[in-house]
């Protein structure tokens, strides 16, 4: 079952995010606390939304997104993470989560959805190629830590 995430899903969602970090060989990069994660999604000024995949009352996948603004294109959905726990991959759960997120963006009349994928993650790249995706090799990711 794919449904909108609720507050009580946060511990399971954060566990999936940590699983993803392990997969991406960056387990120490997840520094957000459960409290901060919950506040950011369900506090007074939520900055993210999510859909979860549930099988037998267990969260096995998530699609976490937020709205970004492009001065060229207007409001766009940004897909931060699309995760399916390793033992549940290959069962169409990722597709269902991705499609649900696309449908959400369309329902809000956003101009598009953007996301990133690691250049070595061939299974994810092949998954996204099934959609009308445009891969960009021009832009470089840049970040600055503020704390």
C-alpha atoms as a PDB file:
ATOM      1  CA  UNK A   1       0.000   0.000   0.000  1.00  0.00           C
ATOM      2  CA  UNK A   2       1.285   3.455  -0.913  1.00  0.00           C
ATOM      3  CA  UNK A   3       0.061   6.252   1.345  1.00  0.00           C
ATOM      4  CA  UNK A   4       0.983   9.684   2.615  1.00  0.00           C
ATOM      5  CA  UNK A   5       3.481   9.572   5.466  1.00  0.00           C
ATOM      6  CA  UNK A   6       2.361  10.398   9.008  1.00  0.00           C
ATOM      7  CA  UNK A   7       4.341  11.417  12.075  1.00  0.00           C
ATOM      8  CA  UNK A   8       4.543   7.911  13.534  1.00  0.00           C
ATOM      9  CA  UNK A   9       6.282   6.730  10.325  1.00  0.00           C
ATOM     10  CA  UNK A  10       9.341   8.898  10.994  1.00  0.00           C
ATOM     11  CA  UNK A  11      11.466   6.319  12.885  1.00  0.00           C
ATOM     12  CA  UNK A  12      11.003   3.766  10.077  1.00  0.00           C
ATOM     13  CA  UNK A  13      11.627   6.421   7.438  1.00  0.00           C
ATOM     14  CA  UNK A  14      14.829   7.530   9.139  1.00  0.00           C
ATOM     15  CA  UNK A  15      15.948   3.884   9.309  1.00  0.00           C
ATOM     16  CA  UNK A  16      15.452   3.636   5.528  1.00  0.00           C
ATOM     17  CA  UNK A  17      17.442   6.836   5.031  1.00  0.00           C
ATOM     18  CA  UNK A  18      20.279   5.350   7.083  1.00  0.00           C
ATOM     19  CA  UNK A  19      20.068   2.153   5.017  1.00  0.00           C
ATOM     20  CA  UNK A  20      20.443   4.271   1.882  1.00  0.00           C
ATOM     21  CA  UNK A  21      23.475   6.013   3.368  1.00  0.00           C
ATOM     22  CA  UNK A  22      25.053   2.609   4.027  1.00  0.00           C
ATOM     23  CA  UNK A  23      24.359   1.591   0.417  1.00  0.00           C
ATOM     24  CA  UNK A  24      25.973   4.821  -0.789  1.00  0.00           C
ATOM     25  CA  UNK A  25      29.045   4.195   1.419  1.00  0.00           C
ATOM     26  CA  UNK A  26      28.305   7.277   3.520  1.00  0.00           C
ATOM     27  CA  UNK A  27      26.861   5.952   6.808  1.00  0.00           C
ATOM     28  CA  UNK A  28      28.274   8.822   8.875  1.00  0.00           C
ATOM     29  CA  UNK A  29      26.713  11.488   6.664  1.00  0.00           C
ATOM     30  CA  UNK A  30      23.209  11.103   8.166  1.00  0.00           C
ATOM     31  CA  UNK A  31      23.397  13.528  11.080  1.00  0.00           C
ATOM     32  CA  UNK A  32      19.755  14.590  11.377  1.00  0.00           C
ATOM     33  CA  UNK A  33      18.113  13.585  14.659  1.00  0.00           C
ATOM     34  CA  UNK A  34      14.713  11.938  14.801  1.00  0.00           C
ATOM     35  CA  UNK A  35      13.340  15.032  16.563  1.00  0.00           C
ATOM     36  CA  UNK A  36      14.648  17.376  13.856  1.00  0.00           C
ATOM     37  CA  UNK A  37      13.355  15.037  11.124  1.00  0.00           C
ATOM     38  CA  UNK A  38       9.887  14.934  12.703  1.00  0.00           C
ATOM     39  CA  UNK A  39       9.778  18.702  13.199  1.00  0.00           C
ATOM     40  CA  UNK A  40      10.853  19.345   9.602  1.00  0.00           C
ATOM     41  CA  UNK A  41       8.084  17.129   8.258  1.00  0.00           C
ATOM     42  CA  UNK A  42       5.262  17.588  10.750  1.00  0.00           C
ATOM     43  CA  UNK A  43       6.022  20.695  12.816  1.00  0.00           C
ATOM     44  CA  UNK A  44       4.576  24.203  12.473  1.00  0.00           C
ATOM     45  CA  UNK A  45       6.394  24.865   9.185  1.00  0.00           C
ATOM     46  CA  UNK A  46       6.887  21.537   7.428  1.00  0.00           C
ATOM     47  CA  UNK A  47       9.473  21.626   4.650  1.00  0.00           C
ATOM     48  CA  UNK A  48       9.078  18.113   3.282  1.00  0.00           C
ATOM     49  CA  UNK A  49       6.356  15.641   2.462  1.00  0.00           C
ATOM     50  CA  UNK A  50       6.548  11.933   1.776  1.00  0.00           C
ATOM     51  CA  UNK A  51       4.776   8.845   0.618  1.00  0.00           C
ATOM     52  CA  UNK A  52       5.531   5.494   2.188  1.00  0.00           C
ATOM     53  CA  UNK A  53       5.138   1.942   0.973  1.00  0.00           C
ATOM     54  CA  UNK A  54       3.715  -0.369   3.578  1.00  0.00           C
ATOM     55  CA  UNK A  55       3.716  -4.174   3.450  1.00  0.00           C
ATOM     56  CA  UNK A  56       2.255  -6.191   6.323  1.00  0.00           C
ATOM     57  CA  UNK A  57       2.170  -3.049   8.509  1.00  0.00           C
ATOM     58  CA  UNK A  58       5.892  -2.378   7.949  1.00  0.00           C
ATOM     59  CA  UNK A  59       7.330   0.627   6.097  1.00  0.00           C
ATOM     60  CA  UNK A  60       9.472  -0.809   3.287  1.00  0.00           C
ATOM     61  CA  UNK A  61       9.927   2.258   1.084  1.00  0.00           C
ATOM     62  CA  UNK A  62       9.603   5.996   0.893  1.00  0.00           C
ATOM     63  CA  UNK A  63       9.544   8.889  -1.493  1.00  0.00           C
ATOM     64  CA  UNK A  64      10.511  12.139   0.247  1.00  0.00           C
ATOM     65  CA  UNK A  65      10.029  15.414  -1.619  1.00  0.00           C
ATOM     66  CA  UNK A  66       9.817  19.153  -1.188  1.00  0.00           C
ATOM     67  CA  UNK A  67       8.917  22.137  -3.341  1.00  0.00           C
ATOM     68  CA  UNK A  68      11.696  24.179  -4.886  1.00  0.00           C
ATOM     69  CA  UNK A  69      11.443  27.291  -6.978  1.00  0.00           C
ATOM     70  CA  UNK A  70      13.092  27.803 -10.353  1.00  0.00           C
ATOM     71  CA  UNK A  71      13.313  31.346 -11.662  1.00  0.00           C
ATOM     72  CA  UNK A  72      13.019  29.840 -15.138  1.00  0.00           C
ATOM     73  CA  UNK A  73      10.335  27.205 -14.587  1.00  0.00           C
ATOM     74  CA  UNK A  74       8.413  28.198 -11.435  1.00  0.00           C
ATOM     75  CA  UNK A  75       7.476  25.718  -8.722  1.00  0.00           C
ATOM     76  CA  UNK A  76       8.965  22.261  -9.158  1.00  0.00           C
ATOM     77  CA  UNK A  77       8.924  19.167  -7.024  1.00  0.00           C
ATOM     78  CA  UNK A  78      12.323  18.025  -5.778  1.00  0.00           C
ATOM     79  CA  UNK A  79      12.595  14.315  -5.062  1.00  0.00           C
ATOM     80  CA  UNK A  80      15.114  14.079  -2.240  1.00  0.00           C
ATOM     81  CA  UNK A  81      14.993  10.332  -1.731  1.00  0.00           C
ATOM     82  CA  UNK A  82      13.349   7.324  -3.306  1.00  0.00           C
ATOM     83  CA  UNK A  83      14.194   4.303  -1.174  1.00  0.00           C
ATOM     84  CA  UNK A  84      13.019   0.712  -1.052  1.00  0.00           C
ATOM     85  CA  UNK A  85      14.588  -1.553   1.543  1.00  0.00           C
ATOM     86  CA  UNK A  86      16.972  -3.984  -0.102  1.00  0.00           C
ATOM     87  CA  UNK A  87      14.987  -7.159   0.584  1.00  0.00           C
ATOM     88  CA  UNK A  88      11.868  -5.671  -1.055  1.00  0.00           C
ATOM     89  CA  UNK A  89      13.493  -4.394  -4.263  1.00  0.00           C
ATOM     90  CA  UNK A  90      12.323  -5.810  -7.572  1.00  0.00           C
ATOM     91  CA  UNK A  91       8.663  -5.934  -6.519  1.00  0.00           C
ATOM     92  CA  UNK A  92       7.494  -2.744  -8.271  1.00  0.00           C
ATOM     93  CA  UNK A  93       7.400  -0.781  -4.996  1.00  0.00           C
ATOM     94  CA  UNK A  94       9.827   1.890  -6.232  1.00  0.00           C
ATOM     95  CA  UNK A  95       7.730   2.394  -9.367  1.00  0.00           C
ATOM     96  CA  UNK A  96       4.576   2.778  -7.303  1.00  0.00           C
ATOM     97  CA  UNK A  97       6.239   5.348  -5.034  1.00  0.00           C
ATOM     98  CA  UNK A  98       7.739   7.233  -7.978  1.00  0.00           C
ATOM     99  CA  UNK A  99       4.427   7.267  -9.863  1.00  0.00           C
ATOM    100  CA  UNK A 100       2.581   8.464  -6.748  1.00  0.00           C
ATOM    101  CA  UNK A 101       5.073  11.313  -6.386  1.00  0.00           C
ATOM    102  CA  UNK A 102       4.746  12.252 -10.062  1.00  0.00           C
ATOM    103  CA  UNK A 103       0.954  12.238  -9.742  1.00  0.00           C
ATOM    104  CA  UNK A 104       1.193  14.452  -6.662  1.00  0.00           C
ATOM    105  CA  UNK A 105       3.336  16.966  -8.570  1.00  0.00           C
ATOM    106  CA  UNK A 106       0.891  16.964 -11.467  1.00  0.00           C
ATOM    107  CA  UNK A 107      -2.049  17.479  -9.095  1.00  0.00           C
ATOM    108  CA  UNK A 108      -0.328  20.581  -7.698  1.00  0.00           C
ATOM    109  CA  UNK A 109       0.430  21.891 -11.208  1.00  0.00           C
ATOM    110  CA  UNK A 110       4.174  21.965 -10.585  1.00  0.00           C
ATOM    111  CA  UNK A 111       6.188  22.506 -13.747  1.00  0.00           C
ATOM    112  CA  UNK A 112       8.265  19.353 -13.257  1.00  0.00           C
ATOM    113  CA  UNK A 113      10.163  17.136 -10.880  1.00  0.00           C
ATOM    114  CA  UNK A 114      13.919  17.123 -10.426  1.00  0.00           C
ATOM    115  CA  UNK A 115      16.236  14.806  -8.544  1.00  0.00           C
ATOM    116  CA  UNK A 116      19.768  13.473  -8.464  1.00  0.00           C
ATOM    117  CA  UNK A 117      21.178  10.009  -8.950  1.00  0.00           C
ATOM    118  CA  UNK A 118      24.723   8.847  -8.316  1.00  0.00           C
ATOM    119  CA  UNK A 119      26.577   8.170 -11.544  1.00  0.00           C
ATOM    120  CA  UNK A 120      27.579   4.666 -10.376  1.00  0.00           C
ATOM    121  CA  UNK A 121      24.050   3.603  -9.396  1.00  0.00           C
ATOM    122  CA  UNK A 122      23.222   1.810 -12.636  1.00  0.00           C
ATOM    123  CA  UNK A 123      20.064   0.155 -11.355  1.00  0.00           C
ATOM    124  CA  UNK A 124      18.621   3.543 -10.364  1.00  0.00           C
ATOM    125  CA  UNK A 125      19.719   5.131 -13.646  1.00  0.00           C
ATOM    126  CA  UNK A 126      18.090   2.327 -15.613  1.00  0.00           C
ATOM    127  CA  UNK A 127      14.932   2.713 -13.516  1.00  0.00           C
ATOM    128  CA  UNK A 128      14.712   6.451 -14.249  1.00  0.00           C
ATOM    129  CA  UNK A 129      15.387   5.904 -17.957  1.00  0.00           C
ATOM    130  CA  UNK A 130      12.003   4.152 -18.153  1.00  0.00           C
ATOM    131  CA  UNK A 131      10.453   7.604 -17.717  1.00  0.00           C
ATOM    132  CA  UNK A 132      10.863  10.702 -19.862  1.00  0.00           C
ATOM    133  CA  UNK A 133      13.927  11.779 -17.910  1.00  0.00           C
ATOM    134  CA  UNK A 134      16.647  14.165 -19.018  1.00  0.00           C
ATOM    135  CA  UNK A 135      20.094  13.480 -17.602  1.00  0.00           C
ATOM    136  CA  UNK A 136      22.285  16.579 -17.281  1.00  0.00           C
ATOM    137  CA  UNK A 137      26.052  16.291 -17.407  1.00  0.00           C
ATOM    138  CA  UNK A 138      26.589  20.054 -17.442  1.00  0.00           C
ATOM    139  CA  UNK A 139      25.808  21.093 -13.873  1.00  0.00           C
ATOM    140  CA  UNK A 140      28.072  20.401 -10.911  1.00  0.00           C
ATOM    141  CA  UNK A 141      26.673  19.777  -7.432  1.00  0.00           C
ATOM    142  CA  UNK A 142      27.837  22.380  -4.926  1.00  0.00           C
ATOM    143  CA  UNK A 143      27.192  22.639  -1.186  1.00  0.00           C
ATOM    144  CA  UNK A 144      28.370  24.596   1.835  1.00  0.00           C
ATOM    145  CA  UNK A 145      28.025  23.344   5.392  1.00  0.00           C
ATOM    146  CA  UNK A 146      26.643  26.035   7.697  1.00  0.00           C
ATOM    147  CA  UNK A 147      27.324  24.447  11.047  1.00  0.00           C
END
